[in-house]
């Protein structure tokens, strides 16, 4: 990326993609993507957001390219029966390649205004705001998907143990061992949100308090009679959450300083 035009387009398209894929799109939409109308609706959302957020009104064909490529990539992903980290990573890399390709090539060969409408309206905070919001969404929302795929093998083991236990000799406290639906996901999102804020305000020591607090709680669960696998599962998820969230937060911080 050598020109402000390229950087502005890249920031806008990346923001639109992350917002559409990880915030607006629901788990139900992901499961229903074998239906063409669901796929088309999602691709249209990405294309419209790309056009509106970029503010380059004369580049009408950019959202068209986004629409066609996003539809094709997501359709290819929907044909895969397995929901794995590898499939997810290849899907996101393909979308990223399209976004980077558009951001590099379009400014080189297209004549027109080099500043988007929103930049002239808001000023320099426009690009910084896009970078900050994108980094936050990746850390919190995309992180929930990535960490979920990382711990999926452990989750399946835990679920199998629970089903076997319920069929064998369910105890009177079995219901107490079951957490809230989506509870672990929400906790992980809050962890990564705190990590993101600690890094941006240059207080990384706060991350150590998160680790200490979570470890104390887990040891308390073991002492209270929780199964070892359950405690280990939560600890693994916690550290994977940190492994994902910390680099994203520092990269966002670096980009914000670079844009000054």
C-alpha atoms as a PDB file:
ATOM      1  CA  UNK A   1       0.000   0.000   0.000  1.00  0.00           C
ATOM      2  CA  UNK A   2       1.711   3.156  -1.207  1.00  0.00           C
ATOM      3  CA  UNK A   3      -1.055   5.765  -1.612  1.00  0.00           C
ATOM      4  CA  UNK A   4      -3.665   7.207   0.786  1.00  0.00           C
ATOM      5  CA  UNK A   5      -6.336   6.182  -1.750  1.00  0.00           C
ATOM      6  CA  UNK A   6      -5.310   2.531  -1.380  1.00  0.00           C
ATOM      7  CA  UNK A   7      -5.194   2.709   2.413  1.00  0.00           C
ATOM      8  CA  UNK A   8      -8.628   4.362   2.585  1.00  0.00           C
ATOM      9  CA  UNK A   9     -10.211   1.771   0.314  1.00  0.00           C
ATOM     10  CA  UNK A  10      -8.579  -1.113   2.184  1.00  0.00           C
ATOM     11  CA  UNK A  11      -9.749   0.205   5.576  1.00  0.00           C
ATOM     12  CA  UNK A  12     -13.324   0.699   4.348  1.00  0.00           C
ATOM     13  CA  UNK A  13     -13.669  -2.680   2.613  1.00  0.00           C
ATOM     14  CA  UNK A  14     -12.116  -4.542   5.542  1.00  0.00           C
ATOM     15  CA  UNK A  15     -14.450  -2.832   8.017  1.00  0.00           C
ATOM     16  CA  UNK A  16     -17.493  -3.674   5.875  1.00  0.00           C
ATOM     17  CA  UNK A  17     -16.437  -7.311   5.541  1.00  0.00           C
ATOM     18  CA  UNK A  18     -15.781  -7.820   9.259  1.00  0.00           C
ATOM     19  CA  UNK A  19     -19.025  -6.059  10.249  1.00  0.00           C
ATOM     20  CA  UNK A  20     -21.107  -8.149   7.842  1.00  0.00           C
ATOM     21  CA  UNK A  21     -19.390 -11.487   8.473  1.00  0.00           C
ATOM     22  CA  UNK A  22     -18.941 -11.428  12.250  1.00  0.00           C
ATOM     23  CA  UNK A  23     -21.441  -8.947  13.705  1.00  0.00           C
ATOM     24  CA  UNK A  24     -24.496  -8.782  11.436  1.00  0.00           C
ATOM     25  CA  UNK A  25     -24.407 -12.400  10.278  1.00  0.00           C
ATOM     26  CA  UNK A  26     -25.920 -14.763  12.848  1.00  0.00           C
ATOM     27  CA  UNK A  27     -25.140 -18.403  13.617  1.00  0.00           C
ATOM     28  CA  UNK A  28     -28.499 -19.294  12.086  1.00  0.00           C
ATOM     29  CA  UNK A  29     -27.497 -17.558   8.842  1.00  0.00           C
ATOM     30  CA  UNK A  30     -24.235 -19.534   8.760  1.00  0.00           C
ATOM     31  CA  UNK A  31     -26.085 -22.823   9.215  1.00  0.00           C
ATOM     32  CA  UNK A  32     -28.596 -21.913   6.480  1.00  0.00           C
ATOM     33  CA  UNK A  33     -26.032 -20.900   3.873  1.00  0.00           C
ATOM     34  CA  UNK A  34     -26.760 -23.976   1.777  1.00  0.00           C
ATOM     35  CA  UNK A  35     -29.851 -22.069   0.691  1.00  0.00           C
ATOM     36  CA  UNK A  36     -29.025 -19.727  -2.184  1.00  0.00           C
ATOM     37  CA  UNK A  37     -31.309 -16.901  -1.017  1.00  0.00           C
ATOM     38  CA  UNK A  38     -29.552 -16.805   2.366  1.00  0.00           C
ATOM     39  CA  UNK A  39     -26.179 -16.694   0.622  1.00  0.00           C
ATOM     40  CA  UNK A  40     -27.362 -13.952  -1.739  1.00  0.00           C
ATOM     41  CA  UNK A  41     -28.794 -11.853   1.097  1.00  0.00           C
ATOM     42  CA  UNK A  42     -25.522 -12.016   3.028  1.00  0.00           C
ATOM     43  CA  UNK A  43     -23.437 -11.146  -0.043  1.00  0.00           C
ATOM     44  CA  UNK A  44     -25.734  -8.191  -0.758  1.00  0.00           C
ATOM     45  CA  UNK A  45     -25.270  -6.919   2.795  1.00  0.00           C
ATOM     46  CA  UNK A  46     -21.473  -7.072   2.360  1.00  0.00           C
ATOM     47  CA  UNK A  47     -21.643  -5.307  -1.018  1.00  0.00           C
ATOM     48  CA  UNK A  48     -23.969  -2.528   0.166  1.00  0.00           C
ATOM     49  CA  UNK A  49     -21.896  -1.924   3.307  1.00  0.00           C
ATOM     50  CA  UNK A  50     -18.711  -1.824   1.188  1.00  0.00           C
ATOM     51  CA  UNK A  51     -20.221   0.873  -1.029  1.00  0.00           C
ATOM     52  CA  UNK A  52     -21.678   2.954   1.808  1.00  0.00           C
ATOM     53  CA  UNK A  53     -18.644   2.782   4.110  1.00  0.00           C
ATOM     54  CA  UNK A  54     -16.083   3.467   1.374  1.00  0.00           C
ATOM     55  CA  UNK A  55     -17.741   6.697   0.262  1.00  0.00           C
ATOM     56  CA  UNK A  56     -16.290   6.411  -3.249  1.00  0.00           C
ATOM     57  CA  UNK A  57     -19.646   6.867  -4.989  1.00  0.00           C
ATOM     58  CA  UNK A  58     -18.209   6.671  -8.523  1.00  0.00           C
ATOM     59  CA  UNK A  59     -16.692   3.228  -7.859  1.00  0.00           C
ATOM     60  CA  UNK A  60     -20.054   1.475  -8.356  1.00  0.00           C
ATOM     61  CA  UNK A  61     -18.389  -1.636  -9.767  1.00  0.00           C
ATOM     62  CA  UNK A  62     -16.379  -2.309  -6.572  1.00  0.00           C
ATOM     63  CA  UNK A  63     -19.449  -3.486  -4.599  1.00  0.00           C
ATOM     64  CA  UNK A  64     -20.454  -5.487  -7.668  1.00  0.00           C
ATOM     65  CA  UNK A  65     -17.111  -7.322  -7.585  1.00  0.00           C
ATOM     66  CA  UNK A  66     -17.488  -7.793  -3.825  1.00  0.00           C
ATOM     67  CA  UNK A  67     -20.986  -9.223  -4.348  1.00  0.00           C
ATOM     68  CA  UNK A  68     -19.928 -11.762  -6.978  1.00  0.00           C
ATOM     69  CA  UNK A  69     -16.715 -12.882  -5.270  1.00  0.00           C
ATOM     70  CA  UNK A  70     -18.240 -13.062  -1.786  1.00  0.00           C
ATOM     71  CA  UNK A  71     -21.126 -15.107  -3.152  1.00  0.00           C
ATOM     72  CA  UNK A  72     -18.742 -17.497  -4.908  1.00  0.00           C
ATOM     73  CA  UNK A  73     -16.377 -17.919  -1.946  1.00  0.00           C
ATOM     74  CA  UNK A  74     -19.192 -18.496   0.544  1.00  0.00           C
ATOM     75  CA  UNK A  75     -20.900 -20.941  -1.811  1.00  0.00           C
ATOM     76  CA  UNK A  76     -17.655 -22.921  -2.089  1.00  0.00           C
ATOM     77  CA  UNK A  77     -17.409 -22.960   1.703  1.00  0.00           C
ATOM     78  CA  UNK A  78     -21.026 -24.090   2.077  1.00  0.00           C
ATOM     79  CA  UNK A  79     -20.290 -27.194   0.002  1.00  0.00           C
ATOM     80  CA  UNK A  80     -17.851 -28.374   2.656  1.00  0.00           C
ATOM     81  CA  UNK A  81     -19.579 -30.586   5.195  1.00  0.00           C
ATOM     82  CA  UNK A  82     -16.945 -30.072   7.888  1.00  0.00           C
ATOM     83  CA  UNK A  83     -16.870 -26.965  10.071  1.00  0.00           C
ATOM     84  CA  UNK A  84     -13.175 -26.652  10.810  1.00  0.00           C
ATOM     85  CA  UNK A  85     -10.571 -23.986  11.473  1.00  0.00           C
ATOM     86  CA  UNK A  86      -8.859 -24.860   8.177  1.00  0.00           C
ATOM     87  CA  UNK A  87     -12.018 -24.279   6.111  1.00  0.00           C
ATOM     88  CA  UNK A  88     -12.726 -21.056   8.012  1.00  0.00           C
ATOM     89  CA  UNK A  89      -9.150 -19.796   7.510  1.00  0.00           C
ATOM     90  CA  UNK A  90      -9.166 -20.537   3.772  1.00  0.00           C
ATOM     91  CA  UNK A  91     -12.526 -18.780   3.440  1.00  0.00           C
ATOM     92  CA  UNK A  92     -11.279 -15.642   5.209  1.00  0.00           C
ATOM     93  CA  UNK A  93      -7.979 -15.652   3.309  1.00  0.00           C
ATOM     94  CA  UNK A  94      -9.896 -15.743   0.031  1.00  0.00           C
ATOM     95  CA  UNK A  95     -12.035 -12.767   1.084  1.00  0.00           C
ATOM     96  CA  UNK A  96      -8.911 -10.916   2.254  1.00  0.00           C
ATOM     97  CA  UNK A  97      -7.181 -11.569  -1.079  1.00  0.00           C
ATOM     98  CA  UNK A  98     -10.125 -10.032  -2.951  1.00  0.00           C
ATOM     99  CA  UNK A  99     -10.173  -6.966  -0.679  1.00  0.00           C
ATOM    100  CA  UNK A 100      -6.411  -6.417  -0.937  1.00  0.00           C
ATOM    101  CA  UNK A 101      -6.494  -6.965  -4.720  1.00  0.00           C
ATOM    102  CA  UNK A 102      -9.247  -4.378  -5.180  1.00  0.00           C
ATOM    103  CA  UNK A 103      -7.503  -1.899  -2.865  1.00  0.00           C
ATOM    104  CA  UNK A 104      -4.235  -2.163  -4.807  1.00  0.00           C
ATOM    105  CA  UNK A 105      -5.512  -2.328  -8.388  1.00  0.00           C
ATOM    106  CA  UNK A 106      -8.479   0.072  -8.471  1.00  0.00           C
ATOM    107  CA  UNK A 107      -6.564   3.194  -7.320  1.00  0.00           C
ATOM    108  CA  UNK A 108      -3.815   2.451  -9.866  1.00  0.00           C
ATOM    109  CA  UNK A 109      -6.045   2.359 -12.910  1.00  0.00           C
ATOM    110  CA  UNK A 110      -9.040   4.537 -12.059  1.00  0.00           C
ATOM    111  CA  UNK A 111      -9.190   8.292 -12.401  1.00  0.00           C
ATOM    112  CA  UNK A 112     -11.389  10.207  -9.981  1.00  0.00           C
ATOM    113  CA  UNK A 113     -11.485  11.757  -6.527  1.00  0.00           C
ATOM    114  CA  UNK A 114      -8.850  10.184  -4.304  1.00  0.00           C
ATOM    115  CA  UNK A 115     -10.585  11.023  -1.026  1.00  0.00           C
ATOM    116  CA  UNK A 116     -13.838   9.343   0.015  1.00  0.00           C
ATOM    117  CA  UNK A 117     -16.894  11.390   0.854  1.00  0.00           C
ATOM    118  CA  UNK A 118     -16.692  10.512   4.559  1.00  0.00           C
ATOM    119  CA  UNK A 119     -13.080  11.668   4.827  1.00  0.00           C
ATOM    120  CA  UNK A 120     -13.998  15.130   3.549  1.00  0.00           C
ATOM    121  CA  UNK A 121     -16.970  15.205   5.932  1.00  0.00           C
ATOM    122  CA  UNK A 122     -15.391  13.799   9.120  1.00  0.00           C
ATOM    123  CA  UNK A 123     -11.686  14.331   8.581  1.00  0.00           C
ATOM    124  CA  UNK A 124      -8.744  12.126   9.540  1.00  0.00           C
ATOM    125  CA  UNK A 125     -10.745  10.468  12.321  1.00  0.00           C
ATOM    126  CA  UNK A 126     -12.636   8.581   9.601  1.00  0.00           C
ATOM    127  CA  UNK A 127      -9.780   6.183   8.794  1.00  0.00           C
ATOM    128  CA  UNK A 128      -8.642   5.884  12.415  1.00  0.00           C
ATOM    129  CA  UNK A 129     -12.210   5.121  13.454  1.00  0.00           C
ATOM    130  CA  UNK A 130     -12.477   2.388  10.824  1.00  0.00           C
ATOM    131  CA  UNK A 131      -9.209   0.803  11.968  1.00  0.00           C
ATOM    132  CA  UNK A 132     -10.197   0.962  15.644  1.00  0.00           C
ATOM    133  CA  UNK A 133     -13.674  -0.481  15.055  1.00  0.00           C
ATOM    134  CA  UNK A 134     -12.325  -3.204  12.763  1.00  0.00           C
ATOM    135  CA  UNK A 135      -9.682  -4.233  15.281  1.00  0.00           C
ATOM    136  CA  UNK A 136     -12.278  -4.374  18.060  1.00  0.00           C
ATOM    137  CA  UNK A 137     -14.676  -6.498  15.994  1.00  0.00           C
ATOM    138  CA  UNK A 138     -11.894  -8.892  14.983  1.00  0.00           C
ATOM    139  CA  UNK A 139     -10.668  -9.248  18.568  1.00  0.00           C
ATOM    140  CA  UNK A 140     -14.119  -9.727  20.092  1.00  0.00           C
ATOM    141  CA  UNK A 141     -16.466 -11.165  17.465  1.00  0.00           C
ATOM    142  CA  UNK A 142     -14.127 -12.917  15.026  1.00  0.00           C
ATOM    143  CA  UNK A 143     -12.168 -14.138  18.040  1.00  0.00           C
ATOM    144  CA  UNK A 144     -15.310 -15.872  19.322  1.00  0.00           C
ATOM    145  CA  UNK A 145     -15.491 -17.885  16.090  1.00  0.00           C
ATOM    146  CA  UNK A 146     -11.775 -18.702  15.973  1.00  0.00           C
ATOM    147  CA  UNK A 147     -11.517 -19.737  19.628  1.00  0.00           C
ATOM    148  CA  UNK A 148     -14.714 -21.754  19.275  1.00  0.00           C
ATOM    149  CA  UNK A 149     -13.206 -23.704  16.370  1.00  0.00           C
ATOM    150  CA  UNK A 150      -9.928 -24.145  18.277  1.00  0.00           C
ATOM    151  CA  UNK A 151     -11.633 -25.708  21.308  1.00  0.00           C
ATOM    152  CA  UNK A 152     -14.220 -27.671  19.323  1.00  0.00           C
ATOM    153  CA  UNK A 153     -12.405 -31.052  19.740  1.00  0.00           C
ATOM    154  CA  UNK A 154     -12.308 -30.548  23.527  1.00  0.00           C
ATOM    155  CA  UNK A 155     -15.953 -29.442  23.521  1.00  0.00           C
ATOM    156  CA  UNK A 156     -17.011 -32.637  21.744  1.00  0.00           C
ATOM    157  CA  UNK A 157     -15.147 -34.752  24.305  1.00  0.00           C
ATOM    158  CA  UNK A 158     -16.822 -32.885  27.144  1.00  0.00           C
ATOM    159  CA  UNK A 159     -20.263 -33.253  25.577  1.00  0.00           C
ATOM    160  CA  UNK A 160     -19.737 -36.992  25.089  1.00  0.00           C
ATOM    161  CA  UNK A 161     -18.720 -37.366  28.747  1.00  0.00           C
ATOM    162  CA  UNK A 162     -21.810 -35.456  29.889  1.00  0.00           C
ATOM    163  CA  UNK A 163     -24.147 -37.573  27.769  1.00  0.00           C
ATOM    164  CA  UNK A 164     -22.542 -40.773  29.046  1.00  0.00           C
ATOM    165  CA  UNK A 165     -22.845 -39.550  32.631  1.00  0.00           C
ATOM    166  CA  UNK A 166     -26.512 -38.619  32.202  1.00  0.00           C
ATOM    167  CA  UNK A 167     -27.338 -42.019  30.705  1.00  0.00           C
ATOM    168  CA  UNK A 168     -25.420 -43.885  33.403  1.00  0.00           C
ATOM    169  CA  UNK A 169     -26.075 -42.403  36.804  1.00  0.00           C
ATOM    170  CA  UNK A 170     -27.186 -38.781  36.685  1.00  0.00           C
ATOM    171  CA  UNK A 171     -26.558 -37.063  39.996  1.00  0.00           C
ATOM    172  CA  UNK A 172     -28.868 -34.662  41.709  1.00  0.00           C
ATOM    173  CA  UNK A 173     -26.451 -31.792  40.970  1.00  0.00           C
ATOM    174  CA  UNK A 174     -26.154 -32.549  37.259  1.00  0.00           C
ATOM    175  CA  UNK A 175     -28.213 -29.488  36.358  1.00  0.00           C
ATOM    176  CA  UNK A 176     -25.952 -27.249  38.415  1.00  0.00           C
ATOM    177  CA  UNK A 177     -22.956 -28.296  36.349  1.00  0.00           C
ATOM    178  CA  UNK A 178     -24.547 -27.022  33.143  1.00  0.00           C
ATOM    179  CA  UNK A 179     -23.641 -23.421  32.360  1.00  0.00           C
ATOM    180  CA  UNK A 180     -25.649 -20.760  30.586  1.00  0.00           C
ATOM    181  CA  UNK A 181     -26.334 -21.211  26.886  1.00  0.00           C
ATOM    182  CA  UNK A 182     -23.641 -19.149  25.087  1.00  0.00           C
ATOM    183  CA  UNK A 183     -22.160 -18.340  28.521  1.00  0.00           C
ATOM    184  CA  UNK A 184     -18.624 -19.333  27.588  1.00  0.00           C
ATOM    185  CA  UNK A 185     -18.820 -17.387  24.329  1.00  0.00           C
ATOM    186  CA  UNK A 186     -19.954 -14.210  26.089  1.00  0.00           C
ATOM    187  CA  UNK A 187     -17.228 -14.543  28.746  1.00  0.00           C
ATOM    188  CA  UNK A 188     -14.611 -14.966  26.020  1.00  0.00           C
ATOM    189  CA  UNK A 189     -15.870 -11.886  24.166  1.00  0.00           C
ATOM    190  CA  UNK A 190     -15.676  -9.844  27.357  1.00  0.00           C
ATOM    191  CA  UNK A 191     -12.140 -11.115  28.020  1.00  0.00           C
ATOM    192  CA  UNK A 192     -10.955 -10.069  24.567  1.00  0.00           C
ATOM    193  CA  UNK A 193     -12.734  -6.710  24.856  1.00  0.00           C
ATOM    194  CA  UNK A 194     -10.857  -6.032  28.110  1.00  0.00           C
ATOM    195  CA  UNK A 195      -7.570  -7.163  26.539  1.00  0.00           C
ATOM    196  CA  UNK A 196      -8.209  -4.820  23.609  1.00  0.00           C
ATOM    197  CA  UNK A 197      -8.846  -1.868  25.916  1.00  0.00           C
ATOM    198  CA  UNK A 198      -5.854  -2.624  28.182  1.00  0.00           C
ATOM    199  CA  UNK A 199      -3.510  -2.665  25.187  1.00  0.00           C
ATOM    200  CA  UNK A 200      -4.927   0.483  23.586  1.00  0.00           C
ATOM    201  CA  UNK A 201      -4.576   2.483  26.812  1.00  0.00           C
ATOM    202  CA  UNK A 202      -1.047   1.110  27.248  1.00  0.00           C
ATOM    203  CA  UNK A 203      -1.851  -0.856  30.398  1.00  0.00           C
ATOM    204  CA  UNK A 204      -0.890  -4.448  29.453  1.00  0.00           C
ATOM    205  CA  UNK A 205      -0.367  -5.281  33.144  1.00  0.00           C
ATOM    206  CA  UNK A 206      -4.150  -5.459  33.399  1.00  0.00           C
ATOM    207  CA  UNK A 207      -4.045  -8.623  31.289  1.00  0.00           C
ATOM    208  CA  UNK A 208      -2.090 -10.299  34.089  1.00  0.00           C
ATOM    209  CA  UNK A 209      -4.931  -9.582  36.504  1.00  0.00           C
ATOM    210  CA  UNK A 210      -7.371 -11.234  34.085  1.00  0.00           C
ATOM    211  CA  UNK A 211      -5.199 -14.365  33.948  1.00  0.00           C
ATOM    212  CA  UNK A 212      -4.818 -14.460  37.738  1.00  0.00           C
ATOM    213  CA  UNK A 213      -8.526 -13.962  38.379  1.00  0.00           C
ATOM    214  CA  UNK A 214      -9.548 -16.666  35.909  1.00  0.00           C
ATOM    215  CA  UNK A 215      -7.006 -19.131  37.311  1.00  0.00           C
ATOM    216  CA  UNK A 216      -8.222 -18.590  40.882  1.00  0.00           C
ATOM    217  CA  UNK A 217     -11.821 -19.192  39.802  1.00  0.00           C
ATOM    218  CA  UNK A 218     -10.886 -22.409  37.996  1.00  0.00           C
ATOM    219  CA  UNK A 219      -8.962 -23.796  40.954  1.00  0.00           C
ATOM    220  CA  UNK A 220     -11.946 -22.934  43.119  1.00  0.00           C
ATOM    221  CA  UNK A 221     -14.188 -24.958  40.813  1.00  0.00           C
ATOM    222  CA  UNK A 222     -11.884 -27.970  41.079  1.00  0.00           C
ATOM    223  CA  UNK A 223     -11.922 -27.688  44.861  1.00  0.00           C
ATOM    224  CA  UNK A 224     -15.705 -27.521  44.805  1.00  0.00           C
ATOM    225  CA  UNK A 225     -15.895 -30.813  42.952  1.00  0.00           C
ATOM    226  CA  UNK A 226     -15.968 -29.803  39.301  1.00  0.00           C
ATOM    227  CA  UNK A 227     -14.560 -32.331  36.897  1.00  0.00           C
ATOM    228  CA  UNK A 228     -10.952 -31.828  35.843  1.00  0.00           C
ATOM    229  CA  UNK A 229     -11.842 -31.902  32.134  1.00  0.00           C
ATOM    230  CA  UNK A 230     -14.321 -29.063  32.576  1.00  0.00           C
ATOM    231  CA  UNK A 231     -11.752 -26.901  34.362  1.00  0.00           C
ATOM    232  CA  UNK A 232      -9.048 -27.692  31.797  1.00  0.00           C
ATOM    233  CA  UNK A 233     -11.452 -26.924  28.946  1.00  0.00           C
ATOM    234  CA  UNK A 234     -12.173 -23.453  30.327  1.00  0.00           C
ATOM    235  CA  UNK A 235      -8.496 -22.745  30.998  1.00  0.00           C
ATOM    236  CA  UNK A 236      -7.555 -23.834  27.451  1.00  0.00           C
ATOM    237  CA  UNK A 237     -10.269 -21.586  26.019  1.00  0.00           C
ATOM    238  CA  UNK A 238      -9.075 -18.679  28.168  1.00  0.00           C
ATOM    239  CA  UNK A 239      -5.475 -18.889  27.020  1.00  0.00           C
ATOM    240  CA  UNK A 240      -6.472 -19.366  23.381  1.00  0.00           C
ATOM    241  CA  UNK A 241      -8.622 -16.262  23.774  1.00  0.00           C
ATOM    242  CA  UNK A 242      -5.574 -14.356  25.015  1.00  0.00           C
ATOM    243  CA  UNK A 243      -3.368 -15.758  22.242  1.00  0.00           C
ATOM    244  CA  UNK A 244      -5.812 -14.391  19.679  1.00  0.00           C
ATOM    245  CA  UNK A 245      -6.809 -11.138  21.353  1.00  0.00           C
ATOM    246  CA  UNK A 246      -3.402  -9.756  22.342  1.00  0.00           C
ATOM    247  CA  UNK A 247      -1.781  -9.739  18.849  1.00  0.00           C
ATOM    248  CA  UNK A 248      -4.928  -8.230  17.310  1.00  0.00           C
ATOM    249  CA  UNK A 249      -4.952  -5.463  19.928  1.00  0.00           C
ATOM    250  CA  UNK A 250      -1.263  -4.660  19.438  1.00  0.00           C
ATOM    251  CA  UNK A 251      -1.606  -4.681  15.646  1.00  0.00           C
ATOM    252  CA  UNK A 252      -4.542  -2.269  15.896  1.00  0.00           C
ATOM    253  CA  UNK A 253      -2.538  -0.024  18.211  1.00  0.00           C
ATOM    254  CA  UNK A 254       0.406  -0.070  15.790  1.00  0.00           C
ATOM    255  CA  UNK A 255      -1.811   0.854  12.828  1.00  0.00           C
ATOM    256  CA  UNK A 256      -3.422   3.706  14.765  1.00  0.00           C
ATOM    257  CA  UNK A 257       0.001   5.157  15.579  1.00  0.00           C
ATOM    258  CA  UNK A 258       1.115   4.681  11.951  1.00  0.00           C
ATOM    259  CA  UNK A 259      -1.880   6.686  10.702  1.00  0.00           C
ATOM    260  CA  UNK A 260      -0.967   9.740  12.803  1.00  0.00           C
END
